[in-house]
Amino acid sequence: MTTIRQRSAWFMAGWTPWRVTAALVIVTLLAGALPGVKMSLVVNGLFLAAIIALGAIGLTLIFGILKFANVAHGDYMVMGAYVTFFIVQSLLAPIGIEGAGLGPFTFGYPLLIALPIGTTIVAGGAILLDMGIYRRLRDRGVNVVMLSMASLGVAIALRGLVQIFWTTDAQAFPRESRQVFRLPMDVRLPPDSVFIGLAAVALVAGIYVILTHTKMGKAMRATADNPDLARVTGINTQHVIRWTWATGGGLAAIAGVLLSVSQAQMIPIMGWKFLIPLFAAVILGGIGNPYGALVGAFAIGVTMEVSTQWINPSYKPAVAFGIMIVMLLARPRGLFGGSG
């Protein structure tokens, strides 16, 4: 007799992450053509989803390996934005590397120089935080709830650190106003959104290649599936954990910079406010499943933006929270989290 799990596997046969994502994009674009729905909001939702996807994939990778919810993940995004901002303003500008309005974009080439440096710093910081805090707690055998509470403390500490150095005032990368692209169906597309979309696609493709075609990716998947068995077969699980933190922290840092570019400003609490959409995407797609997080991000991003046609934009996180609650009640494992 065919089990539920077998039927689920048969149903998903042939549906690669890219096919599912392409199907979602087509469905959302068709939704924008429905009467009463503004296509511009659907398109904006796709670019918001790209940012959510980067953060959510990093978050779900960490959960898949370490089995705890990293509440500080949103603040890794904040650190990525502010560290990159510091490099642009305080390190590059004084030596004459400055400017804005690179081609059609509002930002300048210093941002492209600072972004990989800031990403590396945050990725390294994520590894050091694990070695100094989380690994010590794991070695003492604490449960996942205590690890999550520790990550809450890390989140508060990082936010406080940002406020000490940069205050609570809004900051912004050097920028010049640019004309938006006018597309059919009254869609106005900022050039920066094109950069955000292309960057997200490239990064997600890179993560896909790493997880499916590299030795480290296979080791990460093996460790997530069964850490003890992975250790017995000779996999250095501590090395895998370090790479997981570096990947998750790096993706969060890039997502924070892209969010700052998209919003034209950054504030210390933006990561905390972005945390609900991140968790909603992870839960919707299936906790621990990076491809599910990608699909969940598309659903959350588009829904949040389209909802502003009828409700105040300040309630967008409430929409993501509502979707998360419904998914937990209807299917706690998420869309791609299995059946049993």
Protein backbone atom coordinates (compact mmCIF):
# COMPACT_ATOMS: atom_id res chain seq x y z
CA MET A 1 0.00 0.00 0.00
CA THR A 2 1.35 3.37 -0.95
CA THR A 3 2.15 5.51 2.09
CA ILE A 4 1.41 9.20 2.42
CA ARG A 5 5.12 9.95 2.19
CA GLN A 6 5.44 7.92 -1.01
CA ARG A 7 2.46 9.68 -2.55
CA SER A 8 3.98 13.03 -1.61
CA ALA A 9 7.29 12.07 -3.23
CA TRP A 10 5.48 10.94 -6.39
CA PHE A 11 3.52 14.19 -6.49
CA MET A 12 6.72 16.24 -6.28
CA ALA A 13 8.56 14.12 -8.84
CA GLY A 14 9.97 16.31 -11.58
CA TRP A 15 9.14 19.52 -9.74
CA THR A 16 12.59 20.98 -9.26
CA PRO A 17 12.95 24.20 -7.22
CA TRP A 18 13.40 26.16 -10.41
CA ARG A 19 10.23 24.78 -11.98
CA VAL A 20 8.24 25.50 -8.84
CA THR A 21 9.65 29.03 -8.68
CA ALA A 22 8.95 29.64 -12.37
CA ALA A 23 5.39 28.40 -11.87
CA LEU A 24 4.93 30.78 -8.94
CA VAL A 25 6.26 33.72 -10.93
CA ILE A 26 3.86 32.95 -13.76
CA VAL A 27 0.93 32.59 -11.37
CA THR A 28 1.73 35.86 -9.61
CA LEU A 29 2.08 37.72 -12.91
CA LEU A 30 -1.26 36.33 -14.04
CA ALA A 31 -2.74 37.40 -10.72
CA GLY A 32 -1.67 40.94 -11.49
CA ALA A 33 -3.76 40.83 -14.64
CA LEU A 34 -6.93 40.08 -12.68
CA PRO A 35 -9.44 42.92 -12.33
CA GLY A 36 -8.84 45.00 -9.24
CA VAL A 37 -5.24 43.91 -8.69
CA LYS A 38 -2.48 46.37 -9.54
CA MET A 39 0.29 44.76 -11.54
CA SER A 40 2.76 47.25 -10.13
CA LEU A 41 2.23 45.83 -6.64
CA VAL A 42 2.78 42.28 -7.92
CA VAL A 43 6.07 43.30 -9.54
CA ASN A 44 7.19 45.15 -6.41
CA GLY A 45 6.31 42.05 -4.44
CA LEU A 46 8.60 39.93 -6.59
CA PHE A 47 11.58 42.16 -5.81
CA LEU A 48 10.68 42.22 -2.11
CA ALA A 49 10.50 38.43 -2.31
CA ALA A 50 14.04 38.34 -3.72
CA ILE A 51 15.35 40.06 -0.57
CA ILE A 52 13.25 37.86 1.71
CA ALA A 53 14.55 34.78 -0.12
CA LEU A 54 18.19 35.58 0.60
CA GLY A 55 17.51 36.02 4.31
CA ALA A 56 15.15 33.05 4.53
CA ILE A 57 17.54 30.63 2.79
CA GLY A 58 20.31 31.52 5.23
CA LEU A 59 17.92 31.17 8.16
CA THR A 60 16.63 27.77 7.07
CA LEU A 61 20.16 26.47 6.37
CA ILE A 62 21.14 27.27 9.95
CA PHE A 63 18.01 25.57 11.26
CA GLY A 64 18.58 22.55 9.03
CA ILE A 65 22.07 21.98 10.46
CA LEU A 66 21.72 23.16 14.08
CA LYS A 67 17.96 22.68 14.62
CA PHE A 68 17.29 26.00 16.32
CA ALA A 69 15.64 29.25 15.26
CA ASN A 70 18.26 32.00 15.03
CA VAL A 71 16.34 35.07 16.19
CA ALA A 72 19.42 37.22 15.54
CA HIS A 73 19.29 36.57 11.81
CA GLY A 74 17.50 39.84 11.08
CA ASP A 75 20.18 41.72 12.97
CA TYR A 76 22.86 40.03 10.84
CA MET A 77 21.11 41.82 7.98
CA VAL A 78 21.41 45.10 9.89
CA MET A 79 25.09 44.50 10.57
CA GLY A 80 25.69 43.79 6.90
CA ALA A 81 24.06 47.08 5.91
CA TYR A 82 25.85 49.20 8.51
CA VAL A 83 29.27 47.58 8.10
CA THR A 84 29.05 48.13 4.34
CA PHE A 85 27.90 51.71 4.98
CA PHE A 86 30.91 52.24 7.27
CA ILE A 87 33.29 50.97 4.59
CA VAL A 88 31.75 53.27 1.97
CA GLN A 89 31.65 56.39 4.16
CA SER A 90 34.62 56.04 6.48
CA LEU A 91 37.17 53.95 4.57
CA LEU A 92 36.63 54.47 0.84
CA ALA A 93 35.43 58.09 0.76
CA PRO A 94 38.47 59.53 2.61
CA ILE A 95 40.85 58.05 0.02
CA GLY A 96 38.85 59.44 -2.88
CA ILE A 97 36.78 56.39 -3.76
CA GLU A 98 33.34 57.90 -3.76
CA GLY A 99 30.41 58.65 -5.99
CA ALA A 100 26.81 57.80 -6.73
CA GLY A 101 24.64 57.26 -9.77
CA LEU A 102 26.46 54.34 -11.35
CA GLY A 103 24.81 53.95 -14.76
CA PRO A 104 21.03 53.80 -14.26
CA PHE A 105 21.37 52.98 -10.55
CA THR A 106 21.12 55.39 -7.62
CA PHE A 107 24.21 54.00 -5.86
CA GLY A 108 27.82 54.30 -6.94
CA TYR A 109 30.64 51.85 -7.56
CA PRO A 110 31.97 52.21 -3.96
CA LEU A 111 28.99 50.16 -2.84
CA LEU A 112 30.02 47.34 -5.17
CA ILE A 113 33.52 47.44 -3.67
CA ALA A 114 32.30 47.55 -0.07
CA LEU A 115 29.60 44.89 -0.41
CA PRO A 116 31.85 41.80 -0.63
CA ILE A 117 34.07 43.17 2.16
CA GLY A 118 31.11 43.81 4.45
CA THR A 119 29.65 40.41 3.60
CA THR A 120 32.92 38.70 4.51
CA ILE A 121 33.12 40.56 7.82
CA VAL A 122 29.57 39.61 8.82
CA ALA A 123 30.13 36.00 7.72
CA GLY A 124 33.27 35.87 9.87
CA GLY A 125 31.40 37.48 12.75
CA ALA A 126 28.69 34.82 12.51
CA ILE A 127 31.35 32.11 12.82
CA LEU A 128 32.94 33.83 15.83
CA LEU A 129 29.56 34.21 17.55
CA ASP A 130 28.95 30.50 17.06
CA MET A 131 32.35 29.58 18.47
CA GLY A 132 32.03 31.94 21.40
CA ILE A 133 28.37 31.35 22.33
CA TYR A 134 26.34 28.73 20.50
CA ARG A 135 29.00 26.03 20.29
CA ARG A 136 29.73 26.36 24.01
CA LEU A 137 26.03 25.97 24.74
CA ARG A 138 25.76 22.95 22.43
CA ASP A 139 28.73 21.32 24.14
CA ARG A 140 26.91 21.72 27.45
CA GLY A 141 23.88 19.96 26.04
CA VAL A 142 21.39 22.83 26.29
CA ASN A 143 18.11 22.43 24.41
CA VAL A 144 17.06 24.31 21.30
CA VAL A 145 14.84 26.67 23.29
CA MET A 146 17.83 27.93 25.25
CA LEU A 147 19.80 28.34 22.02
CA SER A 148 16.99 30.45 20.59
CA MET A 149 16.89 32.55 23.75
CA ALA A 150 20.64 33.03 23.46
CA SER A 151 20.18 34.21 19.88
CA LEU A 152 17.60 36.71 21.14
CA GLY A 153 20.28 38.10 23.44
CA VAL A 154 22.71 38.26 20.53
CA ALA A 155 20.08 40.15 18.48
CA ILE A 156 19.61 42.74 21.22
CA ALA A 157 23.38 43.12 21.66
CA LEU A 158 23.99 43.62 17.93
CA ARG A 159 21.19 46.16 17.70
CA GLY A 160 22.59 48.02 20.67
CA LEU A 161 26.04 48.01 19.09
CA VAL A 162 24.64 49.57 15.93
CA GLN A 163 22.84 52.24 17.93
CA ILE A 164 26.01 53.09 19.86
CA PHE A 165 28.08 53.66 16.72
CA TRP A 166 25.45 55.03 14.33
CA THR A 167 22.65 56.24 16.70
CA THR A 168 18.99 55.53 16.00
CA ASP A 169 18.77 58.03 13.14
CA ALA A 170 18.18 56.82 9.62
CA GLN A 171 21.28 56.50 7.44
CA ALA A 172 21.60 56.11 3.69
CA PHE A 173 24.20 55.18 1.10
CA PRO A 174 25.25 58.02 -1.24
CA ARG A 175 22.66 58.12 -3.99
CA GLU A 176 21.44 60.12 -6.96
CA SER A 177 17.86 60.19 -8.17
CA ARG A 178 17.17 58.19 -11.31
CA GLN A 179 14.23 57.91 -13.66
CA VAL A 180 12.14 54.78 -13.24
CA PHE A 181 11.47 52.43 -16.13
CA ARG A 182 7.88 52.68 -17.35
CA LEU A 183 6.51 49.31 -18.39
CA PRO A 184 3.09 48.19 -19.68
CA MET A 185 0.16 47.83 -17.26
CA ASP A 186 1.24 50.98 -15.41
CA VAL A 187 4.29 49.30 -13.90
CA ARG A 188 7.03 51.65 -12.74
CA LEU A 189 10.27 49.81 -12.15
CA PRO A 190 13.15 51.53 -10.30
CA PRO A 191 16.53 50.61 -11.81
CA ASP A 192 17.77 49.54 -8.37
CA SER A 193 15.10 46.83 -8.34
CA VAL A 194 16.65 45.35 -11.48
CA PHE A 195 20.00 45.14 -9.67
CA ILE A 196 18.33 43.57 -6.63
CA GLY A 197 16.58 40.98 -8.76
CA LEU A 198 19.67 40.03 -10.74
CA ALA A 199 21.81 39.83 -7.59
CA ALA A 200 19.25 37.60 -5.86
CA VAL A 201 18.95 35.27 -8.85
CA ALA A 202 22.75 34.93 -9.09
CA LEU A 203 23.10 34.20 -5.37
CA VAL A 204 20.25 31.69 -5.26
CA ALA A 205 21.72 29.95 -8.30
CA GLY A 206 25.09 29.85 -6.54
CA ILE A 207 23.55 28.31 -3.41
CA TYR A 208 21.78 25.72 -5.56
CA VAL A 209 25.05 24.76 -7.24
CA ILE A 210 26.88 24.58 -3.91
CA LEU A 211 24.24 22.37 -2.27
CA THR A 212 23.86 19.98 -5.19
CA HIS A 213 27.23 19.86 -6.97
CA THR A 214 29.98 20.42 -4.39
CA LYS A 215 31.51 18.24 -1.72
CA MET A 216 30.70 20.80 0.97
CA GLY A 217 27.09 21.02 -0.17
CA LYS A 218 26.69 17.25 0.04
CA ALA A 219 28.32 17.29 3.48
CA MET A 220 25.89 20.00 4.60
CA ARG A 221 22.91 17.97 3.40
CA ALA A 222 24.24 14.83 5.07
CA THR A 223 24.83 16.66 8.35
CA ALA A 224 21.34 18.16 8.26
CA ASP A 225 19.83 14.71 7.66
CA ASN A 226 21.77 12.82 10.35
CA PRO A 227 24.69 14.52 12.16
CA ASP A 228 25.82 11.36 13.97
CA LEU A 229 25.89 9.27 10.80
CA ALA A 230 27.69 12.07 8.96
CA ARG A 231 30.33 12.16 11.69
CA VAL A 232 30.81 8.38 11.57
CA THR A 233 31.30 8.48 7.79
CA GLY A 234 34.19 10.92 8.21
CA ILE A 235 32.50 14.26 7.64
CA ASN A 236 33.97 17.06 9.73
CA THR A 237 30.68 18.36 11.12
CA GLN A 238 32.35 21.30 12.89
CA HIS A 239 33.73 22.43 9.55
CA VAL A 240 30.25 22.06 8.05
CA ILE A 241 28.77 24.15 10.85
CA ARG A 242 31.31 26.92 10.25
CA TRP A 243 30.50 26.96 6.54
CA THR A 244 26.79 27.03 7.34
CA TRP A 245 27.19 30.07 9.58
CA ALA A 246 29.36 31.79 6.98
CA THR A 247 26.80 31.13 4.26
CA GLY A 248 23.84 32.18 6.38
CA GLY A 249 25.58 35.28 7.71
CA GLY A 250 26.82 36.27 4.26
CA LEU A 251 23.39 35.93 2.67
CA ALA A 252 21.85 37.94 5.51
CA ALA A 253 24.45 40.69 5.08
CA ILE A 254 23.75 40.96 1.35
CA ALA A 255 20.00 40.95 1.99
CA GLY A 256 20.46 43.82 4.47
CA VAL A 257 22.37 45.91 1.93
CA LEU A 258 19.81 45.22 -0.79
CA LEU A 259 16.99 46.13 1.58
CA SER A 260 18.74 49.39 2.43
CA VAL A 261 19.16 50.19 -1.25
CA SER A 262 15.52 49.34 -1.92
CA GLN A 263 14.23 51.49 0.95
CA ALA A 264 16.80 54.25 0.34
CA GLN A 265 17.65 54.21 4.05
CA MET A 266 18.60 51.98 6.95
CA ILE A 267 17.60 52.01 10.62
CA PRO A 268 18.79 49.77 13.47
CA ILE A 269 15.41 48.05 13.90
CA MET A 270 14.86 47.18 10.25
CA GLY A 271 16.18 43.64 10.76
CA TRP A 272 13.85 43.06 13.70
CA LYS A 273 10.90 44.29 11.63
CA PHE A 274 11.96 42.02 8.76
CA LEU A 275 12.17 38.94 10.99
CA ILE A 276 8.48 37.97 10.70
CA PRO A 277 8.54 37.80 6.87
CA LEU A 278 11.73 35.72 7.08
CA PHE A 279 10.22 33.19 9.48
CA ALA A 280 6.94 33.19 7.56
CA ALA A 281 8.78 32.28 4.35
CA VAL A 282 10.75 29.53 6.11
CA ILE A 283 7.65 28.03 7.74
CA LEU A 284 5.56 28.29 4.58
CA GLY A 285 8.16 26.50 2.47
CA GLY A 286 9.11 23.93 5.11
CA ILE A 287 11.56 24.46 7.97
CA GLY A 288 15.06 23.36 7.01
CA ASN A 289 14.31 23.26 3.27
CA PRO A 290 16.22 25.99 1.36
CA TYR A 291 14.19 25.46 -1.80
CA GLY A 292 10.99 25.70 0.18
CA ALA A 293 12.24 28.94 1.70
CA LEU A 294 12.69 30.30 -1.83
CA VAL A 295 9.11 29.42 -2.78
CA GLY A 296 7.80 30.72 0.55
CA ALA A 297 9.60 34.00 0.02
CA PHE A 298 7.84 34.53 -3.31
CA ALA A 299 4.45 33.86 -1.76
CA ILE A 300 5.08 36.11 1.26
CA GLY A 301 6.66 38.97 -0.69
CA VAL A 302 3.93 39.19 -3.32
CA THR A 303 1.12 38.80 -0.79
CA MET A 304 2.55 41.50 1.46
CA GLU A 305 2.84 44.01 -1.37
CA VAL A 306 -0.54 43.24 -2.96
CA SER A 307 -2.23 43.59 0.42
CA THR A 308 -1.26 47.28 0.49
CA GLN A 309 -3.90 47.88 -2.16
CA TRP A 310 -6.54 47.40 0.54
CA ILE A 311 -4.78 47.93 3.89
CA ASN A 312 -2.24 50.35 5.35
CA PRO A 313 1.34 49.40 4.32
CA SER A 314 2.40 49.42 7.98
CA TYR A 315 0.36 46.22 8.40
CA LYS A 316 2.41 44.24 5.89
CA PRO A 317 4.23 42.28 8.64
CA ALA A 318 0.82 41.36 10.05
CA VAL A 319 -0.08 39.81 6.69
CA ALA A 320 3.09 37.69 6.80
CA PHE A 321 2.31 36.73 10.39
CA GLY A 322 -1.21 35.72 9.43
CA ILE A 323 0.07 33.47 6.62
CA MET A 324 2.55 31.90 9.03
CA ILE A 325 -0.17 31.13 11.60
CA VAL A 326 -2.48 29.64 8.98
CA MET A 327 0.32 27.41 7.66
CA LEU A 328 1.23 26.24 11.17
CA LEU A 329 -2.40 25.30 11.81
CA ALA A 330 -3.03 23.68 8.43
CA ARG A 331 0.34 22.09 7.65
CA PRO A 332 2.98 22.56 10.38
CA ARG A 333 5.74 21.04 8.23
CA GLY A 334 5.18 23.55 5.43
CA LEU A 335 4.60 23.03 1.73
CA PHE A 336 7.82 21.06 1.15
CA GLY A 337 8.51 19.79 4.65
CA GLY A 338 7.16 16.26 4.27
CA SER A 339 3.95 14.66 5.42
CA GLY A 340 4.80 12.54 8.36
